[in-house]
Amino acid sequence: MKTITISDEIYEKLIQIKGNRSFNQLLDDLLSKDVEKRIDLLIEAASKTGYEKELEEISKQIRTNFKVRT
């Protein structure tokens, strides 16, 4: 376990969105969503190049490695 320091402002924002989740779960969810968004943007960009199938395979591996929901 590690300790991190955040500003009071950020702490208050996290409190507002965390709901019943732990801070650990909240941060994991936020990080996973960011990865998912980036994957979707890459696939969209690849659709214009003809490499979408290859990128979809890579994205499956990324989702698995980062435990992103599919």
PDB file of N, CA and C in Angstrom:
ATOM      1  N   MET A   1       0.847  -1.172   0.000  1.00  0.00           N
ATOM      2  CA  MET A   1       0.000   0.000   0.000  1.00  0.00           C
ATOM      3  C   MET A   1       0.893   1.236   0.000  1.00  0.00           C
ATOM      4  N   LYS A   2       0.459   2.249  -0.733  1.00  0.00           N
ATOM      5  CA  LYS A   2       1.188   3.507  -0.854  1.00  0.00           C
ATOM      6  C   LYS A   2       0.300   4.665  -0.428  1.00  0.00           C
ATOM      7  N   THR A   3       0.916   5.721   0.015  1.00  0.00           N
ATOM      8  CA  THR A   3       0.204   6.939   0.387  1.00  0.00           C
ATOM      9  C   THR A   3       0.493   8.005  -0.657  1.00  0.00           C
ATOM     10  N   ILE A   4      -0.569   8.699  -1.098  1.00  0.00           N
ATOM     11  CA  ILE A   4      -0.392   9.805  -2.044  1.00  0.00           C
ATOM     12  C   ILE A   4      -0.977  11.068  -1.422  1.00  0.00           C
ATOM     13  N   THR A   5      -0.513  12.205  -1.880  1.00  0.00           N
ATOM     14  CA  THR A   5      -1.012  13.486  -1.396  1.00  0.00           C
ATOM     15  C   THR A   5      -1.721  14.187  -2.544  1.00  0.00           C
ATOM     16  N   ILE A   6      -2.939  14.669  -2.259  1.00  0.00           N
ATOM     17  CA  ILE A   6      -3.710  15.421  -3.247  1.00  0.00           C
ATOM     18  C   ILE A   6      -4.219  16.693  -2.578  1.00  0.00           C
ATOM     19  N   SER A   7      -4.577  17.661  -3.393  1.00  0.00           N
ATOM     20  CA  SER A   7      -5.099  18.915  -2.843  1.00  0.00           C
ATOM     21  C   SER A   7      -6.496  18.696  -2.262  1.00  0.00           C
ATOM     22  N   ASP A   8      -6.883  19.579  -1.374  1.00  0.00           N
ATOM     23  CA  ASP A   8      -8.229  19.508  -0.796  1.00  0.00           C
ATOM     24  C   ASP A   8      -9.298  19.613  -1.879  1.00  0.00           C
ATOM     25  N   GLU A   9      -9.032  20.429  -2.888  1.00  0.00           N
ATOM     26  CA  GLU A   9      -9.983  20.612  -3.984  1.00  0.00           C
ATOM     27  C   GLU A   9     -10.223  19.295  -4.730  1.00  0.00           C
ATOM     28  N   ILE A  10      -9.153  18.602  -5.048  1.00  0.00           N
ATOM     29  CA  ILE A  10      -9.277  17.316  -5.750  1.00  0.00           C
ATOM     30  C   ILE A  10      -9.955  16.288  -4.850  1.00  0.00           C
ATOM     31  N   TYR A  11      -9.606  16.281  -3.587  1.00  0.00           N
ATOM     32  CA  TYR A  11     -10.233  15.363  -2.636  1.00  0.00           C
ATOM     33  C   TYR A  11     -11.745  15.561  -2.617  1.00  0.00           C
ATOM     34  N   GLU A  12     -12.188  16.798  -2.563  1.00  0.00           N
ATOM     35  CA  GLU A  12     -13.622  17.094  -2.544  1.00  0.00           C
ATOM     36  C   GLU A  12     -14.309  16.618  -3.834  1.00  0.00           C
ATOM     37  N   LYS A  13     -13.638  16.799  -4.962  1.00  0.00           N
ATOM     38  CA  LYS A  13     -14.197  16.329  -6.238  1.00  0.00           C
ATOM     39  C   LYS A  13     -14.327  14.809  -6.236  1.00  0.00           C
ATOM     40  N   LEU A  14     -13.321  14.119  -5.728  1.00  0.00           N
ATOM     41  CA  LEU A  14     -13.368  12.659  -5.669  1.00  0.00           C
ATOM     42  C   LEU A  14     -14.473  12.177  -4.735  1.00  0.00           C
ATOM     43  N   ILE A  15     -14.633  12.842  -3.612  1.00  0.00           N
ATOM     44  CA  ILE A  15     -15.703  12.492  -2.659  1.00  0.00           C
ATOM     45  C   ILE A  15     -17.066  12.581  -3.343  1.00  0.00           C
ATOM     46  N   GLN A  16     -17.254  13.617  -4.161  1.00  0.00           N
ATOM     47  CA  GLN A  16     -18.540  13.835  -4.819  1.00  0.00           C
ATOM     48  C   GLN A  16     -18.879  12.737  -5.823  1.00  0.00           C
ATOM     49  N   ILE A  17     -17.881  12.142  -6.456  1.00  0.00           N
ATOM     50  CA  ILE A  17     -18.171  11.152  -7.507  1.00  0.00           C
ATOM     51  C   ILE A  17     -17.966   9.703  -7.057  1.00  0.00           C
ATOM     52  N   LYS A  18     -17.433   9.480  -5.865  1.00  0.00           N
ATOM     53  CA  LYS A  18     -17.081   8.117  -5.476  1.00  0.00           C
ATOM     54  C   LYS A  18     -18.265   7.249  -5.096  1.00  0.00           C
ATOM     55  N   GLY A  19     -19.339   7.831  -4.565  1.00  0.00           N
ATOM     56  CA  GLY A  19     -20.493   7.025  -4.181  1.00  0.00           C
ATOM     57  C   GLY A  19     -20.116   6.009  -3.114  1.00  0.00           C
ATOM     58  N   ASN A  20     -20.558   4.759  -3.299  1.00  0.00           N
ATOM     59  CA  ASN A  20     -20.282   3.689  -2.335  1.00  0.00           C
ATOM     60  C   ASN A  20     -18.945   3.000  -2.567  1.00  0.00           C
ATOM     61  N   ARG A  21     -18.248   3.403  -3.610  1.00  0.00           N
ATOM     62  CA  ARG A  21     -16.968   2.766  -3.933  1.00  0.00           C
ATOM     63  C   ARG A  21     -15.865   3.264  -3.014  1.00  0.00           C
ATOM     64  N   SER A  22     -14.827   2.441  -2.884  1.00  0.00           N
ATOM     65  CA  SER A  22     -13.630   2.893  -2.177  1.00  0.00           C
ATOM     66  C   SER A  22     -12.865   3.829  -3.110  1.00  0.00           C
ATOM     67  N   PHE A  23     -11.940   4.586  -2.559  1.00  0.00           N
ATOM     68  CA  PHE A  23     -11.110   5.441  -3.410  1.00  0.00           C
ATOM     69  C   PHE A  23     -10.316   4.585  -4.395  1.00  0.00           C
ATOM     70  N   ASN A  24      -9.872   3.427  -3.957  1.00  0.00           N
ATOM     71  CA  ASN A  24      -9.131   2.523  -4.831  1.00  0.00           C
ATOM     72  C   ASN A  24      -9.981   2.114  -6.035  1.00  0.00           C
ATOM     73  N   GLN A  25     -11.227   1.716  -5.777  1.00  0.00           N
ATOM     74  CA  GLN A  25     -12.137   1.333  -6.860  1.00  0.00           C
ATOM     75  C   GLN A  25     -12.423   2.513  -7.775  1.00  0.00           C
ATOM     76  N   LEU A  26     -12.643   3.682  -7.188  1.00  0.00           N
ATOM     77  CA  LEU A  26     -12.925   4.874  -7.973  1.00  0.00           C
ATOM     78  C   LEU A  26     -11.773   5.192  -8.924  1.00  0.00           C
ATOM     79  N   LEU A  27     -10.554   5.217  -8.399  1.00  0.00           N
ATOM     80  CA  LEU A  27      -9.397   5.532  -9.239  1.00  0.00           C
ATOM     81  C   LEU A  27      -9.194   4.473 -10.314  1.00  0.00           C
ATOM     82  N   ASP A  28      -9.397   3.209  -9.966  1.00  0.00           N
ATOM     83  CA  ASP A  28      -9.271   2.142 -10.955  1.00  0.00           C
ATOM     84  C   ASP A  28     -10.295   2.323 -12.069  1.00  0.00           C
ATOM     85  N   ASP A  29     -11.535   2.642 -11.711  1.00  0.00           N
ATOM     86  CA  ASP A  29     -12.585   2.888 -12.713  1.00  0.00           C
ATOM     87  C   ASP A  29     -12.222   4.072 -13.613  1.00  0.00           C
ATOM     88  N   LEU A  30     -11.757   5.157 -13.012  1.00  0.00           N
ATOM     89  CA  LEU A  30     -11.395   6.338 -13.799  1.00  0.00           C
ATOM     90  C   LEU A  30     -10.251   6.049 -14.747  1.00  0.00           C
ATOM     91  N   LEU A  31      -9.250   5.323 -14.287  1.00  0.00           N
ATOM     92  CA  LEU A  31      -8.108   4.987 -15.145  1.00  0.00           C
ATOM     93  C   LEU A  31      -8.526   4.042 -16.267  1.00  0.00           C
ATOM     94  N   SER A  32      -9.390   3.090 -15.962  1.00  0.00           N
ATOM     95  CA  SER A  32      -9.859   2.150 -16.982  1.00  0.00           C
ATOM     96  C   SER A  32     -10.657   2.854 -18.062  1.00  0.00           C
ATOM     97  N   LYS A  33     -11.483   3.799 -17.662  1.00  0.00           N
ATOM     98  CA  LYS A  33     -12.282   4.543 -18.639  1.00  0.00           C
ATOM     99  C   LYS A  33     -11.378   5.332 -19.579  1.00  0.00           C
ATOM    100  N   ASP A  34     -10.319   5.886 -19.048  1.00  0.00           N
ATOM    101  CA  ASP A  34      -9.384   6.646 -19.865  1.00  0.00           C
ATOM    102  C   ASP A  34      -8.736   5.732 -20.908  1.00  0.00           C
ATOM    103  N   VAL A  35      -8.346   4.539 -20.507  1.00  0.00           N
ATOM    104  CA  VAL A  35      -7.750   3.578 -21.436  1.00  0.00           C
ATOM    105  C   VAL A  35      -8.769   3.195 -22.496  1.00  0.00           C
ATOM    106  N   GLU A  36     -10.005   2.924 -22.071  1.00  0.00           N
ATOM    107  CA  GLU A  36     -11.062   2.545 -23.012  1.00  0.00           C
ATOM    108  C   GLU A  36     -11.308   3.654 -24.033  1.00  0.00           C
ATOM    109  N   LYS A  37     -11.334   4.888 -23.585  1.00  0.00           N
ATOM    110  CA  LYS A  37     -11.557   6.021 -24.482  1.00  0.00           C
ATOM    111  C   LYS A  37     -10.426   6.115 -25.512  1.00  0.00           C
ATOM    112  N   ARG A  38      -9.211   5.933 -25.070  1.00  0.00           N
ATOM    113  CA  ARG A  38      -8.068   5.994 -25.990  1.00  0.00           C
ATOM    114  C   ARG A  38      -8.112   4.866 -27.015  1.00  0.00           C
ATOM    115  N   ILE A  39      -8.503   3.673 -26.572  1.00  0.00           N
ATOM    116  CA  ILE A  39      -8.622   2.541 -27.491  1.00  0.00           C
ATOM    117  C   ILE A  39      -9.668   2.854 -28.560  1.00  0.00           C
ATOM    118  N   ASP A  40     -10.818   3.369 -28.140  1.00  0.00           N
ATOM    119  CA  ASP A  40     -11.882   3.698 -29.085  1.00  0.00           C
ATOM    120  C   ASP A  40     -11.421   4.747 -30.100  1.00  0.00           C
ATOM    121  N   LEU A  41     -10.679   5.743 -29.642  1.00  0.00           N
ATOM    122  CA  LEU A  41     -10.164   6.766 -30.554  1.00  0.00           C
ATOM    123  C   LEU A  41      -9.175   6.175 -31.554  1.00  0.00           C
ATOM    124  N   LEU A  42      -8.341   5.252 -31.104  1.00  0.00           N
ATOM    125  CA  LEU A  42      -7.386   4.597 -32.008  1.00  0.00           C
ATOM    126  C   LEU A  42      -8.109   3.767 -33.066  1.00  0.00           C
ATOM    127  N   ILE A  43      -9.132   3.030 -32.645  1.00  0.00           N
ATOM    128  CA  ILE A  43      -9.890   2.215 -33.602  1.00  0.00           C
ATOM    129  C   ILE A  43     -10.582   3.105 -34.628  1.00  0.00           C
ATOM    130  N   GLU A  44     -11.141   4.191 -34.168  1.00  0.00           N
ATOM    131  CA  GLU A  44     -11.796   5.135 -35.084  1.00  0.00           C
ATOM    132  C   GLU A  44     -10.797   5.676 -36.110  1.00  0.00           C
ATOM    133  N   ALA A  45      -9.616   6.036 -35.639  1.00  0.00           N
ATOM    134  CA  ALA A  45      -8.590   6.548 -36.550  1.00  0.00           C
ATOM    135  C   ALA A  45      -8.129   5.467 -37.514  1.00  0.00           C
ATOM    136  N   ALA A  46      -8.021   4.242 -37.032  1.00  0.00           N
ATOM    137  CA  ALA A  46      -7.547   3.138 -37.875  1.00  0.00           C
ATOM    138  C   ALA A  46      -8.556   2.777 -38.959  1.00  0.00           C
ATOM    139  N   SER A  47      -9.827   3.029 -38.708  1.00  0.00           N
ATOM    140  CA  SER A  47     -10.847   2.676 -39.694  1.00  0.00           C
ATOM    141  C   SER A  47     -10.625   3.411 -41.011  1.00  0.00           C
ATOM    142  N   LYS A  48      -9.922   4.520 -40.959  1.00  0.00           N
ATOM    143  CA  LYS A  48      -9.641   5.297 -42.160  1.00  0.00           C
ATOM    144  C   LYS A  48      -8.392   4.795 -42.895  1.00  0.00           C
ATOM    145  N   THR A  49      -7.630   3.906 -42.249  1.00  0.00           N
ATOM    146  CA  THR A  49      -6.374   3.438 -42.842  1.00  0.00           C
ATOM    147  C   THR A  49      -6.447   2.028 -43.392  1.00  0.00           C
ATOM    148  N   GLY A  50      -7.492   1.283 -43.009  1.00  0.00           N
ATOM    149  CA  GLY A  50      -7.588  -0.101 -43.450  1.00  0.00           C
ATOM    150  C   GLY A  50      -6.961  -1.081 -42.469  1.00  0.00           C
ATOM    151  N   TYR A  51      -6.470  -0.610 -41.332  1.00  0.00           N
ATOM    152  CA  TYR A  51      -5.836  -1.474 -40.346  1.00  0.00           C
ATOM    153  C   TYR A  51      -6.721  -1.729 -39.126  1.00  0.00           C
ATOM    154  N   GLU A  52      -8.020  -1.543 -39.284  1.00  0.00           N
ATOM    155  CA  GLU A  52      -8.896  -1.667 -38.122  1.00  0.00           C
ATOM    156  C   GLU A  52      -8.915  -3.071 -37.521  1.00  0.00           C
ATOM    157  N   LYS A  53      -8.803  -4.123 -38.348  1.00  0.00           N
ATOM    158  CA  LYS A  53      -8.801  -5.491 -37.803  1.00  0.00           C
ATOM    159  C   LYS A  53      -7.573  -5.735 -36.938  1.00  0.00           C
ATOM    160  N   GLU A  54      -6.434  -5.288 -37.419  1.00  0.00           N
ATOM    161  CA  GLU A  54      -5.201  -5.454 -36.645  1.00  0.00           C
ATOM    162  C   GLU A  54      -5.279  -4.681 -35.329  1.00  0.00           C
ATOM    163  N   LEU A  55      -5.809  -3.475 -35.399  1.00  0.00           N
ATOM    164  CA  LEU A  55      -5.903  -2.657 -34.199  1.00  0.00           C
ATOM    165  C   LEU A  55      -6.938  -3.227 -33.229  1.00  0.00           C
ATOM    166  N   GLU A  56      -7.985  -3.825 -33.740  1.00  0.00           N
ATOM    167  CA  GLU A  56      -8.987  -4.449 -32.870  1.00  0.00           C
ATOM    168  C   GLU A  56      -8.346  -5.597 -32.085  1.00  0.00           C
ATOM    169  N   GLU A  57      -7.495  -6.385 -32.726  1.00  0.00           N
ATOM    170  CA  GLU A  57      -6.791  -7.461 -32.020  1.00  0.00           C
ATOM    171  C   GLU A  57      -5.881  -6.901 -30.932  1.00  0.00           C
ATOM    172  N   ILE A  58      -5.166  -5.856 -31.259  1.00  0.00           N
ATOM    173  CA  ILE A  58      -4.288  -5.218 -30.274  1.00  0.00           C
ATOM    174  C   ILE A  58      -5.117  -4.655 -29.123  1.00  0.00           C
ATOM    175  N   SER A  59      -6.255  -4.059 -29.452  1.00  0.00           N
ATOM    176  CA  SER A  59      -7.095  -3.471 -28.407  1.00  0.00           C
ATOM    177  C   SER A  59      -7.635  -4.549 -27.465  1.00  0.00           C
ATOM    178  N   LYS A  60      -7.919  -5.744 -27.979  1.00  0.00           N
ATOM    179  CA  LYS A  60      -8.354  -6.846 -27.113  1.00  0.00           C
ATOM    180  C   LYS A  60      -7.265  -7.177 -26.102  1.00  0.00           C
ATOM    181  N   GLN A  61      -6.016  -7.194 -26.553  1.00  0.00           N
ATOM    182  CA  GLN A  61      -4.908  -7.470 -25.648  1.00  0.00           C
ATOM    183  C   GLN A  61      -4.770  -6.365 -24.605  1.00  0.00           C
ATOM    184  N   ILE A  62      -4.922  -5.120 -25.030  1.00  0.00           N
ATOM    185  CA  ILE A  62      -4.829  -3.993 -24.099  1.00  0.00           C
ATOM    186  C   ILE A  62      -5.947  -4.075 -23.068  1.00  0.00           C
ATOM    187  N   ARG A  63      -7.162  -4.344 -23.527  1.00  0.00           N
ATOM    188  CA  ARG A  63      -8.293  -4.440 -22.600  1.00  0.00           C
ATOM    189  C   ARG A  63      -8.064  -5.542 -21.573  1.00  0.00           C
ATOM    190  N   THR A  64      -7.518  -6.669 -22.027  1.00  0.00           N
ATOM    191  CA  THR A  64      -7.222  -7.770 -21.122  1.00  0.00           C
ATOM    192  C   THR A  64      -6.143  -7.380 -20.120  1.00  0.00           C
ATOM    193  N   ASN A  65      -5.076  -6.752 -20.596  1.00  0.00           N
ATOM    194  CA  ASN A  65      -3.966  -6.380 -19.719  1.00  0.00           C
ATOM    195  C   ASN A  65      -4.361  -5.309 -18.706  1.00  0.00           C
ATOM    196  N   PHE A  66      -5.259  -4.411 -19.090  1.00  0.00           N
ATOM    197  CA  PHE A  66      -5.677  -3.338 -18.197  1.00  0.00           C
ATOM    198  C   PHE A  66      -7.002  -3.646 -17.521  1.00  0.00           C
ATOM    199  N   LYS A  67      -7.529  -4.841 -17.788  1.00  0.00           N
ATOM    200  CA  LYS A  67      -8.797  -5.290 -17.197  1.00  0.00           C
ATOM    201  C   LYS A  67      -9.908  -4.288 -17.468  1.00  0.00           C
ATOM    202  N   VAL A  68      -9.956  -3.783 -18.698  1.00  0.00           N
ATOM    203  CA  VAL A  68     -10.985  -2.844 -19.111  1.00  0.00           C
ATOM    204  C   VAL A  68     -12.214  -3.651 -19.511  1.00  0.00           C
ATOM    205  N   ARG A  69     -13.384  -3.148 -19.115  1.00  0.00           N
ATOM    206  CA  ARG A  69     -14.613  -3.831 -19.489  1.00  0.00           C
ATOM    207  C   ARG A  69     -14.813  -3.748 -20.992  1.00  0.00           C
ATOM    208  N   THR A  70     -15.302  -4.846 -21.583  1.00  0.00           N
ATOM    209  CA  THR A  70     -15.582  -4.844 -23.029  1.00  0.00           C
ATOM    210  C   THR A  70     -17.062  -4.761 -23.290  1.00  0.00           C
TER     211      THR A  70
END
